[in-house]
Amino acid sequence: AGVSSIVGTAWAFAALKEAGEVVTWGDADYGGDSSAVADRLVAGVSSIVRKSDAFAALKEAGEVVTWGDARCGGDSFAIADRLTAGVS
């Protein structure tokens, strides 16, 4: 499937494909490496937003997945249980 949108930080990009998969590239420290959450970005993503050097993906089921610079919101581990469903 093709790409439906691309979002960028200063050093990285994230492309949302039509089938809901996310592909990232660029500087690993600033969102270009999403391998830590890649299993959650293979399908079902409806939108992506960026904040400085981090990304957040909203999945169709209401889950939020984050990656990138932890200082910019890329590490949501501390509140992950609150982001597993119901976000719109």
C-alpha atoms as a PDB file:
ATOM      1  CA  ALA A   1       0.000   0.000   0.000  1.00  0.00           C
ATOM      2  CA  GLY A   2       1.064   3.567  -0.556  1.00  0.00           C
ATOM      3  CA  VAL A   3       1.989   6.294   1.898  1.00  0.00           C
ATOM      4  CA  SER A   4      -0.872   8.424   3.210  1.00  0.00           C
ATOM      5  CA  SER A   5       1.125  10.946   5.281  1.00  0.00           C
ATOM      6  CA  ILE A   6       4.620  11.872   6.440  1.00  0.00           C
ATOM      7  CA  VAL A   7       5.498  13.635   9.702  1.00  0.00           C
ATOM      8  CA  GLY A   8       8.954  14.928  10.584  1.00  0.00           C
ATOM      9  CA  THR A   9      11.042  16.136  13.488  1.00  0.00           C
ATOM     10  CA  ALA A  10      14.251  18.099  13.005  1.00  0.00           C
ATOM     11  CA  TRP A  11      16.205  14.877  12.498  1.00  0.00           C
ATOM     12  CA  ALA A  12      13.774  12.073  11.575  1.00  0.00           C
ATOM     13  CA  PHE A  13      10.655  11.149   9.624  1.00  0.00           C
ATOM     14  CA  ALA A  14       7.721   8.790  10.109  1.00  0.00           C
ATOM     15  CA  ALA A  15       5.544   7.709   7.201  1.00  0.00           C
ATOM     16  CA  LEU A  16       2.053   6.346   7.727  1.00  0.00           C
ATOM     17  CA  LYS A  17       1.118   3.863   5.050  1.00  0.00           C
ATOM     18  CA  GLU A  18      -2.458   3.361   3.830  1.00  0.00           C
ATOM     19  CA  ALA A  19      -2.643  -0.053   5.537  1.00  0.00           C
ATOM     20  CA  GLY A  20      -1.821   1.505   8.936  1.00  0.00           C
ATOM     21  CA  GLU A  21       1.875   0.579   9.082  1.00  0.00           C
ATOM     22  CA  VAL A  22       4.499   3.118  10.206  1.00  0.00           C
ATOM     23  CA  VAL A  23       7.965   3.349   8.625  1.00  0.00           C
ATOM     24  CA  THR A  24      10.631   5.531  10.272  1.00  0.00           C
ATOM     25  CA  TRP A  25      14.064   6.783   9.241  1.00  0.00           C
ATOM     26  CA  GLY A  26      16.622   9.402  10.234  1.00  0.00           C
ATOM     27  CA  ASP A  27      18.573   9.969  13.441  1.00  0.00           C
ATOM     28  CA  ALA A  28      17.841   7.103  15.847  1.00  0.00           C
ATOM     29  CA  ASP A  29      17.955   9.324  18.939  1.00  0.00           C
ATOM     30  CA  TYR A  30      15.246  11.628  17.604  1.00  0.00           C
ATOM     31  CA  GLY A  31      12.617   9.203  16.320  1.00  0.00           C
ATOM     32  CA  GLY A  32      14.313   7.662  13.303  1.00  0.00           C
ATOM     33  CA  ASP A  33      14.536   4.286  15.039  1.00  0.00           C
ATOM     34  CA  SER A  34      11.209   2.838  16.132  1.00  0.00           C
ATOM     35  CA  SER A  35      12.510  -0.733  16.543  1.00  0.00           C
ATOM     36  CA  ALA A  36      11.656  -0.784  20.272  1.00  0.00           C
ATOM     37  CA  VAL A  37       7.957  -0.443  19.389  1.00  0.00           C
ATOM     38  CA  ALA A  38       8.010  -1.785  15.822  1.00  0.00           C
ATOM     39  CA  ASP A  39       5.747  -4.723  16.641  1.00  0.00           C
ATOM     40  CA  ARG A  40       3.023  -2.214  17.584  1.00  0.00           C
ATOM     41  CA  LEU A  41       3.445  -0.163  14.402  1.00  0.00           C
ATOM     42  CA  VAL A  42       2.948  -2.868  11.765  1.00  0.00           C
ATOM     43  CA  ALA A  43      -0.802  -2.243  11.374  1.00  0.00           C
ATOM     44  CA  GLY A  44      -3.766  -0.343  12.760  1.00  0.00           C
ATOM     45  CA  VAL A  45      -2.196   3.117  13.098  1.00  0.00           C
ATOM     46  CA  SER A  46      -4.620   5.895  12.181  1.00  0.00           C
ATOM     47  CA  SER A  47      -2.477   9.003  12.758  1.00  0.00           C
ATOM     48  CA  ILE A  48       0.950  10.222  13.854  1.00  0.00           C
ATOM     49  CA  VAL A  49       1.898  13.457  15.606  1.00  0.00           C
ATOM     50  CA  ARG A  50       5.296  14.833  16.474  1.00  0.00           C
ATOM     51  CA  LYS A  51       6.680  16.966  19.283  1.00  0.00           C
ATOM     52  CA  SER A  52      10.203  18.295  18.877  1.00  0.00           C
ATOM     53  CA  ASP A  53      12.191  15.060  18.615  1.00  0.00           C
ATOM     54  CA  ALA A  54       9.574  12.401  19.370  1.00  0.00           C
ATOM     55  CA  PHE A  55       6.537  10.817  17.740  1.00  0.00           C
ATOM     56  CA  ALA A  56       3.217   9.460  18.991  1.00  0.00           C
ATOM     57  CA  ALA A  57       1.038   7.146  16.924  1.00  0.00           C
ATOM     58  CA  LEU A  58      -2.668   6.739  17.600  1.00  0.00           C
ATOM     59  CA  LYS A  59      -3.979   3.298  16.750  1.00  0.00           C
ATOM     60  CA  GLU A  60      -7.515   2.545  15.595  1.00  0.00           C
ATOM     61  CA  ALA A  61      -8.316   0.794  18.904  1.00  0.00           C
ATOM     62  CA  GLY A  62      -7.338   3.918  20.882  1.00  0.00           C
ATOM     63  CA  GLU A  63      -3.828   2.828  21.903  1.00  0.00           C
ATOM     64  CA  VAL A  64      -0.975   5.371  21.849  1.00  0.00           C
ATOM     65  CA  VAL A  65       2.555   4.281  20.888  1.00  0.00           C
ATOM     66  CA  THR A  66       5.510   6.638  21.413  1.00  0.00           C
ATOM     67  CA  TRP A  67       9.164   6.659  20.362  1.00  0.00           C
ATOM     68  CA  GLY A  68      12.037   9.094  19.990  1.00  0.00           C
ATOM     69  CA  ASP A  69      13.781  11.357  22.486  1.00  0.00           C
ATOM     70  CA  ALA A  70      12.466  10.538  25.973  1.00  0.00           C
ATOM     71  CA  ARG A  71      12.849  14.184  27.046  1.00  0.00           C
ATOM     72  CA  CYS A  72      10.332  15.123  24.338  1.00  0.00           C
ATOM     73  CA  GLY A  73       7.741  12.461  25.131  1.00  0.00           C
ATOM     74  CA  GLY A  74       9.230   9.530  23.249  1.00  0.00           C
ATOM     75  CA  ASP A  75       9.182   7.275  26.317  1.00  0.00           C
ATOM     76  CA  SER A  76       5.691   6.772  27.749  1.00  0.00           C
ATOM     77  CA  PHE A  77       6.587   3.686  29.786  1.00  0.00           C
ATOM     78  CA  ALA A  78       5.608   5.316  33.108  1.00  0.00           C
ATOM     79  CA  ILE A  79       2.024   5.841  31.923  1.00  0.00           C
ATOM     80  CA  ALA A  80       1.760   3.028  29.371  1.00  0.00           C
ATOM     81  CA  ASP A  81      -1.126   1.380  31.213  1.00  0.00           C
ATOM     82  CA  ARG A  82      -3.177   4.554  30.660  1.00  0.00           C
ATOM     83  CA  LEU A  83      -2.484   4.602  26.911  1.00  0.00           C
ATOM     84  CA  THR A  84      -3.472   1.061  25.911  1.00  0.00           C
ATOM     85  CA  ALA A  85      -7.044   1.898  24.824  1.00  0.00           C
ATOM     86  CA  GLY A  86      -9.711   4.571  24.831  1.00  0.00           C
ATOM     87  CA  VAL A  87      -7.638   7.478  23.514  1.00  0.00           C
ATOM     88  CA  SER A  88      -9.255   9.452  20.689  1.00  0.00           C
END
